[in-house]
Amino acid sequence: MWAQGMLGSLPALLVLSATAATAVSLDCKNVVVKGQHFDLSELAGPRAVHLLEENPPSLSNTTFTVDICNPLKRTKNVPKDNECQTGTYGI
């Protein structure tokens, strides 16, 4: 039961950390929530989720990319106004 309460605060911590300063990386090897230490380094790196919407005769593909440990890098060949600004964590 105590772990559920600890983990319930984890998403808020990650969002707060990501929005506090985009130039600073989150130390995923040592995330501390209510005095409990977590190693989230296995979650490092960009992760993509694809949302496909079919509206015949068209098909729309939206990709959401997140990296909870490091700022996202720009994607080549994608217009700037189709991406978040450089340094965004994407959370």
C-alpha atoms as a PDB file:
ATOM      1  CA  MET A   1       0.000   0.000   0.000  1.00  0.00           C
ATOM      2  CA  TRP A   2       2.850   2.436   0.796  1.00  0.00           C
ATOM      3  CA  ALA A   3       4.412   1.780  -2.646  1.00  0.00           C
ATOM      4  CA  GLN A   4       1.194   2.814  -4.381  1.00  0.00           C
ATOM      5  CA  GLY A   5       1.263   6.153  -2.570  1.00  0.00           C
ATOM      6  CA  MET A   6       4.923   6.650  -3.464  1.00  0.00           C
ATOM      7  CA  LEU A   7       4.436   5.796  -7.127  1.00  0.00           C
ATOM      8  CA  GLY A   8       1.328   7.954  -7.325  1.00  0.00           C
ATOM      9  CA  SER A   9       3.586  10.996  -6.868  1.00  0.00           C
ATOM     10  CA  LEU A  10       6.098   9.847  -9.483  1.00  0.00           C
ATOM     11  CA  PRO A  11       4.286  11.200 -12.590  1.00  0.00           C
ATOM     12  CA  ALA A  12       3.895  14.588 -10.930  1.00  0.00           C
ATOM     13  CA  LEU A  13       7.596  14.611 -10.065  1.00  0.00           C
ATOM     14  CA  LEU A  14       8.567  13.766 -13.635  1.00  0.00           C
ATOM     15  CA  VAL A  15       6.344  16.476 -15.093  1.00  0.00           C
ATOM     16  CA  LEU A  16       7.646  19.017 -12.593  1.00  0.00           C
ATOM     17  CA  SER A  17      11.238  18.028 -13.308  1.00  0.00           C
ATOM     18  CA  ALA A  18      10.681  18.205 -17.045  1.00  0.00           C
ATOM     19  CA  THR A  19       9.114  21.658 -16.939  1.00  0.00           C
ATOM     20  CA  ALA A  20      11.460  23.169 -14.361  1.00  0.00           C
ATOM     21  CA  ALA A  21      14.430  23.531 -16.715  1.00  0.00           C
ATOM     22  CA  THR A  22      14.684  22.068 -20.172  1.00  0.00           C
ATOM     23  CA  ALA A  23      18.451  22.516 -20.303  1.00  0.00           C
ATOM     24  CA  VAL A  24      18.992  20.164 -17.346  1.00  0.00           C
ATOM     25  CA  SER A  25      18.626  16.396 -17.603  1.00  0.00           C
ATOM     26  CA  LEU A  26      16.743  14.383 -15.002  1.00  0.00           C
ATOM     27  CA  ASP A  27      19.044  12.010 -13.113  1.00  0.00           C
ATOM     28  CA  CYS A  28      17.030   8.888 -13.863  1.00  0.00           C
ATOM     29  CA  LYS A  29      19.410   6.688 -11.871  1.00  0.00           C
ATOM     30  CA  ASN A  30      18.442   8.430  -8.651  1.00  0.00           C
ATOM     31  CA  VAL A  31      14.861   9.733  -8.622  1.00  0.00           C
ATOM     32  CA  VAL A  32      13.770  10.419  -5.045  1.00  0.00           C
ATOM     33  CA  VAL A  33      10.068  10.487  -4.153  1.00  0.00           C
ATOM     34  CA  LYS A  34       9.104  10.946  -0.513  1.00  0.00           C
ATOM     35  CA  GLY A  35      12.520   9.668   0.582  1.00  0.00           C
ATOM     36  CA  GLN A  36      12.329   6.532  -1.589  1.00  0.00           C
ATOM     37  CA  HIS A  37      14.966   6.135  -4.327  1.00  0.00           C
ATOM     38  CA  PHE A  38      14.109   4.817  -7.804  1.00  0.00           C
ATOM     39  CA  ASP A  39      16.357   3.906 -10.731  1.00  0.00           C
ATOM     40  CA  LEU A  40      14.457   4.793 -13.911  1.00  0.00           C
ATOM     41  CA  SER A  41      17.502   4.611 -16.195  1.00  0.00           C
ATOM     42  CA  GLU A  42      15.969   1.682 -18.093  1.00  0.00           C
ATOM     43  CA  LEU A  43      13.317   4.150 -19.311  1.00  0.00           C
ATOM     44  CA  ALA A  44      15.888   6.558 -20.804  1.00  0.00           C
ATOM     45  CA  GLY A  45      15.754   7.307 -24.498  1.00  0.00           C
ATOM     46  CA  PRO A  46      13.015   8.473 -26.821  1.00  0.00           C
ATOM     47  CA  ARG A  47       9.837   6.370 -26.856  1.00  0.00           C
ATOM     48  CA  ALA A  48       7.213   6.841 -29.533  1.00  0.00           C
ATOM     49  CA  VAL A  49       3.494   6.162 -29.529  1.00  0.00           C
ATOM     50  CA  HIS A  50       1.664   6.204 -32.860  1.00  0.00           C
ATOM     51  CA  LEU A  51      -1.998   7.124 -33.170  1.00  0.00           C
ATOM     52  CA  LEU A  52      -3.648   6.089 -36.431  1.00  0.00           C
ATOM     53  CA  GLU A  53      -7.021   7.570 -37.322  1.00  0.00           C
ATOM     54  CA  GLU A  54      -8.941   6.250 -40.282  1.00  0.00           C
ATOM     55  CA  ASN A  55     -11.379   8.654 -41.896  1.00  0.00           C
ATOM     56  CA  PRO A  56     -11.916   7.157 -45.349  1.00  0.00           C
ATOM     57  CA  PRO A  57     -10.581   7.926 -47.777  1.00  0.00           C
ATOM     58  CA  SER A  58      -7.753   9.352 -45.632  1.00  0.00           C
ATOM     59  CA  LEU A  59      -5.504   7.965 -42.884  1.00  0.00           C
ATOM     60  CA  SER A  60      -3.865  10.246 -40.309  1.00  0.00           C
ATOM     61  CA  ASN A  61      -0.770   9.236 -38.360  1.00  0.00           C
ATOM     62  CA  THR A  62       0.173  11.248 -35.264  1.00  0.00           C
ATOM     63  CA  THR A  63       3.354  10.322 -33.396  1.00  0.00           C
ATOM     64  CA  PHE A  64       3.961  11.352 -29.777  1.00  0.00           C
ATOM     65  CA  THR A  65       7.568  11.024 -28.594  1.00  0.00           C
ATOM     66  CA  VAL A  66       8.671  11.282 -24.959  1.00  0.00           C
ATOM     67  CA  ASP A  67      11.935  10.924 -23.096  1.00  0.00           C
ATOM     68  CA  ILE A  68      11.645  11.281 -19.344  1.00  0.00           C
ATOM     69  CA  CYS A  69      15.415  11.415 -18.770  1.00  0.00           C
ATOM     70  CA  ASN A  70      16.750  13.723 -21.488  1.00  0.00           C
ATOM     71  CA  PRO A  71      15.559  16.570 -23.675  1.00  0.00           C
ATOM     72  CA  LEU A  72      14.295  15.511 -27.091  1.00  0.00           C
ATOM     73  CA  LYS A  73      16.464  16.179 -30.121  1.00  0.00           C
ATOM     74  CA  ARG A  74      15.143  17.663 -33.350  1.00  0.00           C
ATOM     75  CA  THR A  75      13.967  15.225 -35.982  1.00  0.00           C
ATOM     76  CA  LYS A  76      15.512  15.694 -39.405  1.00  0.00           C
ATOM     77  CA  ASN A  77      13.193  16.580 -42.274  1.00  0.00           C
ATOM     78  CA  VAL A  78      10.349  17.674 -39.952  1.00  0.00           C
ATOM     79  CA  PRO A  79       9.283  21.339 -40.083  1.00  0.00           C
ATOM     80  CA  LYS A  80       9.939  23.269 -36.853  1.00  0.00           C
ATOM     81  CA  ASP A  81       6.247  24.098 -36.409  1.00  0.00           C
ATOM     82  CA  ASN A  82       5.417  20.362 -36.386  1.00  0.00           C
ATOM     83  CA  GLU A  83       7.632  19.698 -33.358  1.00  0.00           C
ATOM     84  CA  CYS A  84       8.000  20.934 -29.808  1.00  0.00           C
ATOM     85  CA  GLN A  85      10.820  23.407 -29.259  1.00  0.00           C
ATOM     86  CA  THR A  86      14.360  22.034 -28.873  1.00  0.00           C
ATOM     87  CA  GLY A  87      15.054  20.758 -25.355  1.00  0.00           C
ATOM     88  CA  THR A  88      11.495  19.635 -24.620  1.00  0.00           C
ATOM     89  CA  TYR A  89      11.126  16.419 -22.671  1.00  0.00           C
ATOM     90  CA  GLY A  90       7.822  15.707 -24.318  1.00  0.00           C
ATOM     91  CA  ILE A  91       5.935  14.858 -21.155  1.00  0.00           C
END
